[in-house]
Amino acid sequence: MIGFLVASTLAIRFLHLAGKPFWFDECFSVEVARIGMGSFLRLLWWREANMALYYLLLRIWLHFGQSEFFIRSLSVLIAACTLPSIYWLARLLYDRRVAFIAAALFAFNAYSVRYAQEARSYALFLLLTTISSGFLVAFVREPRRRHAWGYAIASVLAVYAHFYALLLLAAHWLALRALSRGEEVGPSVRRQMRRARIGIGVSVLPLLVFVAKTGAGPIKWISRPGLRDVLGFYEHLAGSISWLLTLIVALACIAAILPVWQRLRARGQNWETWRVQFLLLWLFFPVALTVTLSFARPVFLGRYMIFCLPALLILAAAGLAELRPWWLMGTALVGILLLSLQGTVYVYGHDFDNERDASGTASNFILDHAEAGDAVLFHIAATRIAYEFFRSARAGTNTASPNYTGGLGPEIIFPHHGAGLDYRDFTGKPTAEWVREQGASHRRLWVMLMNNGPEGNPDPTTVMLVRALPESFPRMESWQFTKVEVRLYSK
């Protein structure tokens, strides 16, 4: 049966895999992964250490294919590996019945489908956090050195897949503290786990230095969450596009909690109470912490919390397994899977939690309408990344490569440090003096604007361009795409 569920996971996620256009974040992944090795290493340390493990895997994967379907298929294969990991973890916590139900819920979960069909690190992040949690539970049940080593290695890899894995490790620490108050954990067990934590800390130290060095700069665009954002996250996590599925999953979770509720309130500690406490900490603590921190600096983002999904599915599976007689449990499970499929069909053509930009349409518009002698400027350097991806697709080669010498499209004047992408091309903004100097060199100048502030309140770079460019280019036309604006300045 697990083989059937793995096959279903693959089929559901491969279906319509290339149905939605690549958006900026996916283009960013690809261009980071295929720049020159020297620039790749500098970029990881200087700006993009988060998701470093995924970029490295994608760099290898791109040697075998460059189509959008093939690029995204890496995430699909990783998601297929997550299903047996969830089954293993749920069986460690409960039994085979709960494990099968949890695996079935994952196979059809629309939130997993959403991020398994994207060329980003979220599927890898989910897999590694699931394995990390599995080794932790295995260690609690049977304190062997190999389980401690497995936990340490999986945890380190999870952090390098996405540094928000540190939130899960904090939840693990709280769960172990709760367990250590009981009689089941002896000094030798605590000593082994302490060594594992030290090993994790030493191994992720470079990433912690990176975070300290860059601060919140890479995520400063995140907005402060409200109650609706948090509730919306849990609704999406359930794979729901309607209140009915969310309600059923919530009731299933409550059914798993009720049998041990009195002991949880009394802080009694045994295996039955600890496993529920472990899942609740995993499901709610990371969200609660990031929402609390967001009062000072917004850090909560739904897709960064995707690692909470296994906890929700296992808890819901445990609640469904409590239903008697068996046909009632079967009916409830089939109902959830059918509602989940409704959510999956929805995500084939839409996104749950954000609207993807039209950077591809905007880039192709420039390439279609450019004339000889035109130049193009990207108001924020990183905007060039998406343009390079779509320009490469049209050229049939990697235009970001340092060896690229073709001339497809307008001349790129900012950011520009060579024929192909350089790590320095991923950041920076043009100055007013530099913009004025370009007026004498070109007859027409394309400008691509992204993430330049809300309508009516543009960012300082946009304001500068609006003031400086008309001095050399009196005529301006503009075209609006989703989250992207293209302007053509001419003399």
Protein backbone atom coordinates (compact mmCIF):
# COMPACT_ATOMS: atom_id res chain seq x y z
CA MET A 1 0.00 0.00 0.00
CA ILE A 2 2.84 2.40 0.69
CA GLY A 3 4.10 1.79 -2.83
CA PHE A 4 0.67 2.75 -4.15
CA LEU A 5 0.69 5.95 -2.07
CA VAL A 6 4.19 6.87 -3.30
CA ALA A 7 3.02 6.33 -6.88
CA SER A 8 -0.05 8.50 -6.17
CA THR A 9 2.19 11.19 -4.69
CA LEU A 10 4.30 11.23 -7.85
CA ALA A 11 1.32 11.19 -10.20
CA ILE A 12 -0.51 14.01 -8.40
CA ARG A 13 2.58 16.21 -8.31
CA PHE A 14 3.79 15.49 -11.85
CA LEU A 15 0.33 16.32 -13.23
CA HIS A 16 0.26 19.90 -14.57
CA LEU A 17 3.83 20.37 -13.30
CA ALA A 18 4.61 22.99 -15.95
CA GLY A 19 1.09 24.42 -15.95
CA LYS A 20 1.98 27.59 -14.07
CA PRO A 21 4.68 29.98 -15.31
CA PHE A 22 8.00 30.30 -13.55
CA TRP A 23 8.02 33.30 -11.23
CA PHE A 24 10.81 35.38 -9.77
CA ASP A 25 11.77 33.07 -6.89
CA GLU A 26 12.08 30.05 -9.16
CA CYS A 27 14.12 31.98 -11.71
CA PHE A 28 16.33 33.08 -8.85
CA SER A 29 16.94 29.46 -7.80
CA VAL A 30 17.97 28.45 -11.31
CA GLU A 31 20.26 31.40 -11.95
CA VAL A 32 21.97 31.01 -8.57
CA ALA A 33 22.52 27.33 -9.30
CA ARG A 34 24.08 27.82 -12.73
CA ILE A 35 26.39 30.79 -12.36
CA GLY A 36 30.14 30.13 -12.31
CA MET A 37 31.47 28.23 -9.31
CA GLY A 38 33.47 31.17 -8.00
CA SER A 39 30.45 33.47 -8.11
CA PHE A 40 28.26 30.69 -6.72
CA LEU A 41 30.41 30.28 -3.60
CA ARG A 42 30.77 34.04 -3.10
CA LEU A 43 27.03 34.55 -3.48
CA LEU A 44 26.22 31.88 -0.91
CA TRP A 45 28.46 33.49 1.67
CA TRP A 46 27.70 37.06 0.77
CA ARG A 47 23.94 36.93 0.28
CA GLU A 48 22.21 33.55 -0.23
CA ALA A 49 23.43 31.08 2.42
CA ASN A 50 19.82 30.23 3.16
CA MET A 51 18.67 27.29 1.00
CA ALA A 52 22.33 26.58 0.17
CA LEU A 53 21.78 22.82 0.17
CA TYR A 54 18.97 23.09 -2.37
CA TYR A 55 21.02 25.34 -4.64
CA LEU A 56 23.81 22.78 -4.56
CA LEU A 57 21.47 19.90 -5.43
CA LEU A 58 19.84 21.97 -8.18
CA ARG A 59 23.27 22.82 -9.57
CA ILE A 60 23.90 19.09 -10.03
CA TRP A 61 20.37 18.45 -11.32
CA LEU A 62 20.69 21.08 -14.07
CA HIS A 63 23.45 19.07 -15.72
CA PHE A 64 20.78 16.58 -16.84
CA GLY A 65 18.11 18.99 -18.14
CA GLN A 66 17.07 22.63 -18.33
CA SER A 67 13.34 22.56 -19.14
CA GLU A 68 10.89 24.03 -16.62
CA PHE A 69 9.26 20.60 -16.16
CA PHE A 70 12.61 18.93 -15.48
CA ILE A 71 13.79 21.67 -13.11
CA ARG A 72 10.63 21.39 -11.01
CA SER A 73 10.72 17.58 -11.07
CA LEU A 74 13.54 17.64 -8.49
CA SER A 75 11.06 18.93 -5.90
CA VAL A 76 8.51 16.28 -6.94
CA LEU A 77 10.98 13.45 -6.37
CA ILE A 78 11.95 14.91 -3.01
CA ALA A 79 8.26 15.11 -2.05
CA ALA A 80 7.83 11.44 -2.95
CA CYS A 81 10.61 10.61 -0.47
CA THR A 82 8.75 12.55 2.21
CA LEU A 83 5.79 10.16 2.21
CA PRO A 84 7.67 7.11 3.56
CA SER A 85 9.40 9.42 6.03
CA ILE A 86 6.02 10.53 7.40
CA TYR A 87 4.89 6.90 7.51
CA TRP A 88 8.03 5.96 9.48
CA LEU A 89 7.61 8.83 11.93
CA ALA A 90 3.89 8.20 12.48
CA ARG A 91 4.55 4.50 13.07
CA LEU A 92 7.20 5.35 15.65
CA LEU A 93 4.74 7.64 17.43
CA TYR A 94 1.61 5.48 17.10
CA ASP A 95 1.05 2.36 15.00
CA ARG A 96 0.72 1.11 11.43
CA ARG A 97 -2.90 2.28 11.04
CA VAL A 98 -2.08 5.86 12.02
CA ALA A 99 1.03 5.77 9.81
CA PHE A 100 -0.98 4.67 6.77
CA ILE A 101 -3.63 7.35 7.32
CA ALA A 102 -0.97 10.06 7.76
CA ALA A 103 0.79 8.95 4.56
CA ALA A 104 -2.50 9.01 2.65
CA LEU A 105 -3.27 12.50 3.92
CA PHE A 106 0.15 13.67 2.76
CA ALA A 107 -0.21 12.10 -0.70
CA PHE A 108 -3.31 14.18 -1.39
CA ASN A 109 -2.43 17.31 0.62
CA ALA A 110 -2.74 20.40 -1.60
CA TYR A 111 -0.22 22.45 0.38
CA SER A 112 2.44 19.84 -0.25
CA VAL A 113 1.44 19.73 -3.94
CA ARG A 114 1.75 23.51 -4.13
CA TYR A 115 5.38 23.53 -3.01
CA ALA A 116 6.37 20.20 -4.58
CA GLN A 117 5.65 21.87 -7.93
CA GLU A 118 8.03 24.75 -7.34
CA ALA A 119 11.77 25.07 -7.96
CA ARG A 120 12.51 26.17 -4.42
CA SER A 121 13.80 24.47 -1.28
CA TYR A 122 10.48 23.92 0.49
CA ALA A 123 10.04 20.25 -0.49
CA LEU A 124 13.61 19.48 0.62
CA PHE A 125 13.07 21.49 3.81
CA LEU A 126 9.95 19.44 4.58
CA LEU A 127 11.69 16.12 3.92
CA LEU A 128 14.71 16.85 6.12
CA THR A 129 12.70 18.24 9.04
CA THR A 130 10.52 15.12 8.92
CA ILE A 131 13.60 12.85 8.99
CA SER A 132 15.13 14.92 11.80
CA SER A 133 11.96 14.53 13.88
CA GLY A 134 11.86 10.82 13.08
CA PHE A 135 15.37 10.25 14.38
CA LEU A 136 14.55 12.23 17.51
CA VAL A 137 11.53 10.05 18.24
CA ALA A 138 13.55 6.92 17.43
CA PHE A 139 16.17 8.07 19.93
CA VAL A 140 13.55 8.70 22.60
CA ARG A 141 12.13 5.22 22.10
CA GLU A 142 15.50 3.50 21.75
CA PRO A 143 18.48 5.66 22.81
CA ARG A 144 21.14 4.37 20.45
CA ARG A 145 24.12 6.23 19.12
CA ARG A 146 23.05 5.77 15.50
CA HIS A 147 19.76 7.50 16.24
CA ALA A 148 21.58 10.43 17.85
CA TRP A 149 23.92 10.64 14.85
CA GLY A 150 21.00 10.42 12.44
CA TYR A 151 19.24 13.22 14.29
CA ALA A 152 22.32 15.43 14.21
CA ILE A 153 23.01 14.90 10.50
CA ALA A 154 19.39 15.34 9.39
CA SER A 155 19.03 18.46 11.55
CA VAL A 156 22.16 20.08 10.12
CA LEU A 157 21.04 19.35 6.57
CA ALA A 158 17.58 20.75 7.37
CA VAL A 159 19.09 24.02 8.59
CA TYR A 160 21.13 24.32 5.39
CA ALA A 161 17.96 23.64 3.39
CA HIS A 162 16.26 26.54 5.19
CA PHE A 163 17.43 28.29 8.33
CA TYR A 164 13.87 28.31 9.75
CA ALA A 165 14.59 24.66 10.62
CA LEU A 166 16.15 26.18 13.73
CA LEU A 167 12.59 26.80 14.92
CA LEU A 168 11.87 23.09 14.76
CA LEU A 169 15.05 22.32 16.69
CA ALA A 170 13.85 24.74 19.37
CA ALA A 171 10.53 22.84 19.53
CA HIS A 172 12.50 19.58 19.80
CA TRP A 173 14.46 21.03 22.72
CA LEU A 174 11.24 21.98 24.53
CA ALA A 175 9.79 18.52 23.94
CA LEU A 176 12.92 16.84 25.31
CA ARG A 177 12.90 19.09 28.36
CA ALA A 178 9.33 18.01 29.05
CA LEU A 179 10.36 14.37 28.69
CA SER A 180 13.45 14.73 30.88
CA ARG A 181 11.23 15.65 33.83
CA GLY A 182 9.97 12.08 33.78
CA GLU A 183 11.76 8.92 34.76
CA GLU A 184 12.24 7.61 31.18
CA VAL A 185 15.34 9.65 30.44
CA GLY A 186 18.52 8.81 32.27
CA PRO A 187 21.82 10.71 32.48
CA SER A 188 23.43 8.76 29.61
CA VAL A 189 20.54 9.61 27.30
CA ARG A 190 20.74 13.29 28.18
CA ARG A 191 24.49 13.17 27.62
CA GLN A 192 24.13 11.67 24.14
CA MET A 193 21.54 14.23 23.12
CA ARG A 194 23.68 17.05 24.51
CA ARG A 195 26.55 15.87 22.32
CA ALA A 196 24.22 15.78 19.30
CA ARG A 197 23.11 19.37 19.99
CA ILE A 198 26.71 20.52 20.30
CA GLY A 199 27.52 18.85 16.99
CA ILE A 200 24.56 20.58 15.36
CA GLY A 201 25.60 23.94 16.78
CA VAL A 202 29.16 23.63 15.51
CA SER A 203 28.02 22.44 12.07
CA VAL A 204 25.54 25.28 11.53
CA LEU A 205 27.88 27.94 12.93
CA PRO A 206 28.73 29.33 9.43
CA LEU A 207 25.02 29.87 8.78
CA LEU A 208 24.58 31.53 12.17
CA VAL A 209 27.49 33.86 11.34
CA PHE A 210 25.81 34.62 8.01
CA VAL A 211 22.52 35.47 9.78
CA ALA A 212 24.36 37.70 12.25
CA LYS A 213 26.22 39.39 9.39
CA THR A 214 23.21 40.05 7.16
CA GLY A 215 20.59 40.54 9.85
CA ALA A 216 16.98 40.70 8.65
CA GLY A 217 17.98 42.28 5.34
CA PRO A 218 17.13 39.27 3.13
CA ILE A 219 13.62 39.04 4.65
CA LYS A 220 12.89 42.71 5.24
CA TRP A 221 10.13 42.54 2.63
CA ILE A 222 7.96 40.34 4.91
CA SER A 223 4.96 42.26 6.21
CA ARG A 224 3.68 42.11 9.79
CA PRO A 225 1.16 39.25 10.17
CA GLY A 226 -2.32 39.52 11.60
CA LEU A 227 -4.69 36.94 13.02
CA ARG A 228 -6.14 36.36 9.56
CA ASP A 229 -2.67 35.47 8.23
CA VAL A 230 -2.12 32.90 10.96
CA LEU A 231 -5.55 31.32 10.55
CA GLY A 232 -5.09 31.37 6.79
CA PHE A 233 -1.79 29.53 7.16
CA TYR A 234 -3.37 26.67 9.09
CA GLU A 235 -6.24 26.54 6.60
CA HIS A 236 -3.73 26.23 3.74
CA LEU A 237 -1.66 23.70 5.70
CA ALA A 238 -4.73 21.47 5.85
CA GLY A 239 -4.88 21.70 2.05
CA SER A 240 -8.19 23.47 2.25
CA ILE A 241 -9.94 25.90 -0.07
CA SER A 242 -13.12 25.71 2.02
CA TRP A 243 -13.98 25.82 5.70
CA LEU A 244 -15.30 22.23 5.64
CA LEU A 245 -11.94 20.48 5.22
CA THR A 246 -10.33 22.75 7.81
CA LEU A 247 -13.11 21.93 10.27
CA ILE A 248 -12.85 18.17 9.73
CA VAL A 249 -9.05 18.19 10.14
CA ALA A 250 -9.36 20.33 13.28
CA LEU A 251 -11.94 17.93 14.75
CA ALA A 252 -9.67 14.99 13.96
CA CYS A 253 -6.80 16.69 15.80
CA ILE A 254 -9.05 17.34 18.79
CA ALA A 255 -10.04 13.66 18.79
CA ALA A 256 -6.35 12.78 19.11
CA ILE A 257 -5.86 15.20 22.00
CA LEU A 258 -8.97 14.44 24.08
CA PRO A 259 -7.89 10.98 25.37
CA VAL A 260 -4.83 12.51 27.04
CA TRP A 261 -6.18 15.99 27.75
CA GLN A 262 -6.51 15.57 31.50
CA ARG A 263 -2.94 14.28 31.81
CA LEU A 264 -1.68 17.12 29.61
CA ARG A 265 -3.38 19.66 31.88
CA ALA A 266 -1.91 17.94 34.94
CA ARG A 267 1.49 17.82 33.25
CA GLY A 268 1.59 14.12 33.74
CA GLN A 269 4.25 12.50 31.59
CA ASN A 270 4.17 9.17 29.81
CA TRP A 271 4.59 8.06 26.21
CA GLU A 272 0.93 8.72 25.27
CA THR A 273 0.98 12.28 26.58
CA TRP A 274 4.50 13.08 25.38
CA ARG A 275 3.83 12.19 21.74
CA VAL A 276 0.80 14.48 21.66
CA GLN A 277 2.78 17.21 23.40
CA PHE A 278 5.60 16.71 20.86
CA LEU A 279 3.24 17.11 17.91
CA LEU A 280 1.52 20.16 19.42
CA LEU A 281 4.85 21.87 20.07
CA TRP A 282 5.91 21.12 16.49
CA LEU A 283 2.62 22.42 15.10
CA PHE A 284 2.20 25.60 17.13
CA PHE A 285 5.44 26.72 18.77
CA PRO A 286 7.31 27.87 15.62
CA VAL A 287 4.29 29.86 14.45
CA ALA A 288 3.70 31.40 17.88
CA LEU A 289 7.36 32.38 18.21
CA THR A 290 7.65 33.99 14.77
CA VAL A 291 4.36 35.85 15.19
CA THR A 292 5.55 37.17 18.56
CA LEU A 293 8.90 38.25 17.09
CA SER A 294 7.02 39.95 14.26
CA PHE A 295 5.84 42.66 16.64
CA ALA A 296 9.45 43.87 16.61
CA ARG A 297 10.53 42.72 13.12
CA PRO A 298 8.18 40.79 10.79
CA VAL A 299 9.54 37.25 10.32
CA PHE A 300 6.38 35.13 9.95
CA LEU A 301 5.67 33.80 6.46
CA GLY A 302 3.36 30.87 5.78
CA ARG A 303 5.54 28.95 3.35
CA TYR A 304 8.50 29.18 5.73
CA MET A 305 6.36 27.17 8.19
CA ILE A 306 5.68 24.27 5.81
CA PHE A 307 7.74 22.02 8.10
CA CYS A 308 4.73 22.01 10.49
CA LEU A 309 2.75 19.89 8.00
CA PRO A 310 3.77 16.40 9.26
CA ALA A 311 2.69 17.28 12.80
CA LEU A 312 -0.77 18.30 11.57
CA LEU A 313 -1.19 15.21 9.39
CA ILE A 314 -0.04 12.76 12.06
CA LEU A 315 -2.21 14.37 14.72
CA ALA A 316 -5.23 14.28 12.40
CA ALA A 317 -4.45 10.66 11.48
CA ALA A 318 -4.30 9.70 15.17
CA GLY A 319 -7.71 11.31 15.67
CA LEU A 320 -9.23 9.50 12.69
CA ALA A 321 -7.84 6.20 13.98
CA GLU A 322 -9.84 6.72 17.18
CA LEU A 323 -13.14 6.57 15.29
CA ARG A 324 -15.25 3.45 15.73
CA PRO A 325 -16.62 1.46 13.98
CA TRP A 326 -14.11 1.06 11.16
CA TRP A 327 -16.53 2.17 8.43
CA LEU A 328 -16.94 5.54 10.14
CA MET A 329 -13.18 6.04 10.09
CA GLY A 330 -13.05 4.98 6.44
CA THR A 331 -15.86 7.36 5.50
CA ALA A 332 -14.17 10.28 7.25
CA LEU A 333 -10.83 9.51 5.57
CA VAL A 334 -12.39 9.25 2.10
CA GLY A 335 -14.21 12.55 2.71
CA ILE A 336 -10.96 14.28 3.67
CA LEU A 337 -9.14 12.86 0.63
CA LEU A 338 -11.91 14.00 -1.73
CA LEU A 339 -11.87 17.51 -0.26
CA SER A 340 -8.06 17.48 -0.46
CA LEU A 341 -8.28 16.59 -4.16
CA GLN A 342 -10.51 19.63 -4.62
CA GLY A 343 -7.72 21.75 -3.14
CA THR A 344 -5.15 20.02 -5.34
CA VAL A 345 -7.13 20.77 -8.50
CA TYR A 346 -7.27 24.39 -7.36
CA VAL A 347 -3.49 24.70 -6.88
CA TYR A 348 -2.83 23.34 -10.37
CA GLY A 349 -3.94 26.73 -11.65
CA HIS A 350 -3.60 29.03 -8.62
CA ASP A 351 -1.40 29.71 -5.63
CA PHE A 352 -2.63 29.35 -2.08
CA ASP A 353 -0.79 32.09 -0.28
CA ASN A 354 0.63 34.52 -2.82
CA GLU A 355 0.09 35.72 -6.36
CA ARG A 356 3.07 34.96 -8.59
CA ASP A 357 4.52 37.82 -10.59
CA ALA A 358 4.48 38.11 -14.37
CA SER A 359 8.22 38.58 -14.72
CA GLY A 360 8.25 36.12 -17.62
CA THR A 361 5.58 37.99 -19.58
CA ALA A 362 7.34 41.30 -18.91
CA SER A 363 10.76 39.93 -19.94
CA ASN A 364 9.38 38.46 -23.16
CA PHE A 365 7.62 41.73 -23.91
CA ILE A 366 10.94 43.57 -23.80
CA LEU A 367 12.64 40.92 -25.94
CA ASP A 368 9.80 41.03 -28.49
CA HIS A 369 9.76 44.82 -28.87
CA ALA A 370 13.42 45.77 -28.48
CA GLU A 371 15.25 47.39 -31.39
CA ALA A 372 18.90 47.50 -32.33
CA GLY A 373 20.82 49.87 -30.06
CA ASP A 374 18.33 49.63 -27.16
CA ALA A 375 19.49 49.26 -23.58
CA VAL A 376 17.75 47.86 -20.51
CA LEU A 377 18.05 48.86 -16.86
CA PHE A 378 16.69 46.97 -13.85
CA HIS A 379 15.74 49.32 -11.07
CA ILE A 380 16.68 46.69 -8.46
CA ALA A 381 19.60 44.51 -9.47
CA ALA A 382 17.93 41.21 -8.60
CA THR A 383 15.20 41.89 -11.18
CA ARG A 384 17.77 40.99 -13.84
CA ILE A 385 17.73 37.40 -12.53
CA ALA A 386 14.24 36.67 -13.85
CA TYR A 387 15.02 38.42 -17.12
CA GLU A 388 18.12 36.26 -17.59
CA PHE A 389 16.12 33.07 -17.06
CA PHE A 390 13.58 33.88 -19.77
CA ARG A 391 16.23 35.30 -22.07
CA SER A 392 18.13 32.01 -21.70
CA ALA A 393 15.00 30.03 -22.58
CA ARG A 394 14.64 32.00 -25.82
CA ALA A 395 18.32 31.81 -26.67
CA GLY A 396 18.46 28.06 -26.04
CA THR A 397 21.58 28.53 -23.94
CA ASN A 398 22.63 29.84 -20.56
CA THR A 399 22.94 33.59 -21.14
CA ALA A 400 24.06 33.97 -17.54
CA SER A 401 27.21 31.96 -18.21
CA PRO A 402 30.48 33.93 -18.22
CA ASN A 403 31.17 32.31 -21.58
CA TYR A 404 28.03 33.68 -23.22
CA THR A 405 28.86 36.13 -26.01
CA GLY A 406 25.50 36.40 -27.79
CA GLY A 407 23.51 39.58 -28.19
CA LEU A 408 19.92 38.52 -27.58
CA GLY A 409 17.82 41.47 -26.41
CA PRO A 410 18.82 45.00 -25.45
CA GLU A 411 22.22 45.75 -23.98
CA ILE A 412 22.11 45.29 -20.20
CA ILE A 413 23.60 48.39 -18.61
CA PHE A 414 22.57 47.83 -14.98
CA PRO A 415 23.50 45.68 -13.19
CA HIS A 416 26.45 44.74 -15.38
CA HIS A 417 29.83 43.34 -14.38
CA GLY A 418 30.59 41.17 -17.40
CA ALA A 419 29.08 39.20 -20.27
CA GLY A 420 27.32 36.77 -17.93
CA LEU A 421 25.89 37.00 -14.43
CA ASP A 422 28.32 37.79 -11.65
CA TYR A 423 27.63 37.50 -7.93
CA ARG A 424 27.79 41.31 -7.81
CA ASP A 425 24.83 41.48 -10.21
CA PHE A 426 22.49 40.16 -7.53
CA THR A 427 22.35 43.36 -5.52
CA GLY A 428 22.73 47.11 -5.84
CA LYS A 429 20.84 50.14 -7.12
CA PRO A 430 21.69 52.72 -9.79
CA THR A 431 22.54 56.29 -8.79
CA ALA A 432 21.11 59.48 -10.25
CA GLU A 433 24.52 60.57 -11.59
CA TRP A 434 25.05 57.25 -13.35
CA VAL A 435 21.54 57.33 -14.86
CA ARG A 436 22.12 60.81 -16.30
CA GLU A 437 25.34 59.64 -17.94
CA GLN A 438 23.47 56.95 -19.88
CA GLY A 439 21.36 59.50 -21.72
CA ALA A 440 24.14 60.36 -24.14
CA SER A 441 24.84 56.72 -25.03
CA HIS A 442 21.42 55.38 -26.01
CA ARG A 443 18.39 56.44 -28.01
CA ARG A 444 15.95 54.17 -26.17
CA LEU A 445 16.12 52.75 -22.66
CA TRP A 446 13.92 49.98 -21.24
CA VAL A 447 13.33 49.96 -17.48
CA MET A 448 11.93 46.94 -15.64
CA LEU A 449 10.42 47.69 -12.22
CA MET A 450 9.60 45.06 -9.58
CA ASN A 451 8.96 45.27 -5.85
CA ASN A 452 9.21 49.04 -6.00
CA GLY A 453 6.67 49.88 -3.33
CA PRO A 454 2.87 50.10 -3.21
CA GLU A 455 1.01 52.09 -5.82
CA GLY A 456 1.17 55.78 -5.03
CA ASN A 457 4.14 55.30 -2.69
CA PRO A 458 7.11 54.17 -4.83
CA ASP A 459 10.52 53.39 -3.38
CA PRO A 460 13.36 55.98 -3.51
CA THR A 461 15.01 54.36 -6.55
CA THR A 462 11.80 54.61 -8.57
CA VAL A 463 11.41 58.26 -7.51
CA MET A 464 14.98 58.93 -8.61
CA LEU A 465 14.43 57.30 -12.02
CA VAL A 466 11.20 59.25 -12.55
CA ARG A 467 13.12 62.49 -11.95
CA ALA A 468 16.41 61.71 -13.69
CA LEU A 469 15.43 59.83 -16.86
CA PRO A 470 13.18 62.51 -18.44
CA GLU A 471 16.20 64.84 -18.54
CA SER A 472 17.64 62.68 -21.35
CA PHE A 473 14.54 60.81 -22.51
CA PRO A 474 11.54 63.14 -22.84
CA ARG A 475 9.16 60.42 -24.06
CA MET A 476 7.95 57.55 -21.88
CA GLU A 477 5.55 54.65 -22.40
CA SER A 478 4.61 52.11 -19.76
CA TRP A 479 3.00 48.67 -19.62
CA GLN A 480 1.67 47.07 -16.45
CA PHE A 481 1.96 43.35 -15.71
CA THR A 482 1.24 41.49 -12.49
CA LYS A 483 3.67 42.94 -9.92
CA VAL A 484 5.90 44.19 -12.76
CA GLU A 485 5.99 47.42 -14.73
CA VAL A 486 7.90 47.92 -17.98
CA ARG A 487 8.77 51.42 -19.18
CA LEU A 488 10.33 52.56 -22.43
CA TYR A 489 12.15 55.89 -22.35
CA SER A 490 13.09 57.41 -25.70
CA LYS A 491 14.38 60.65 -27.22
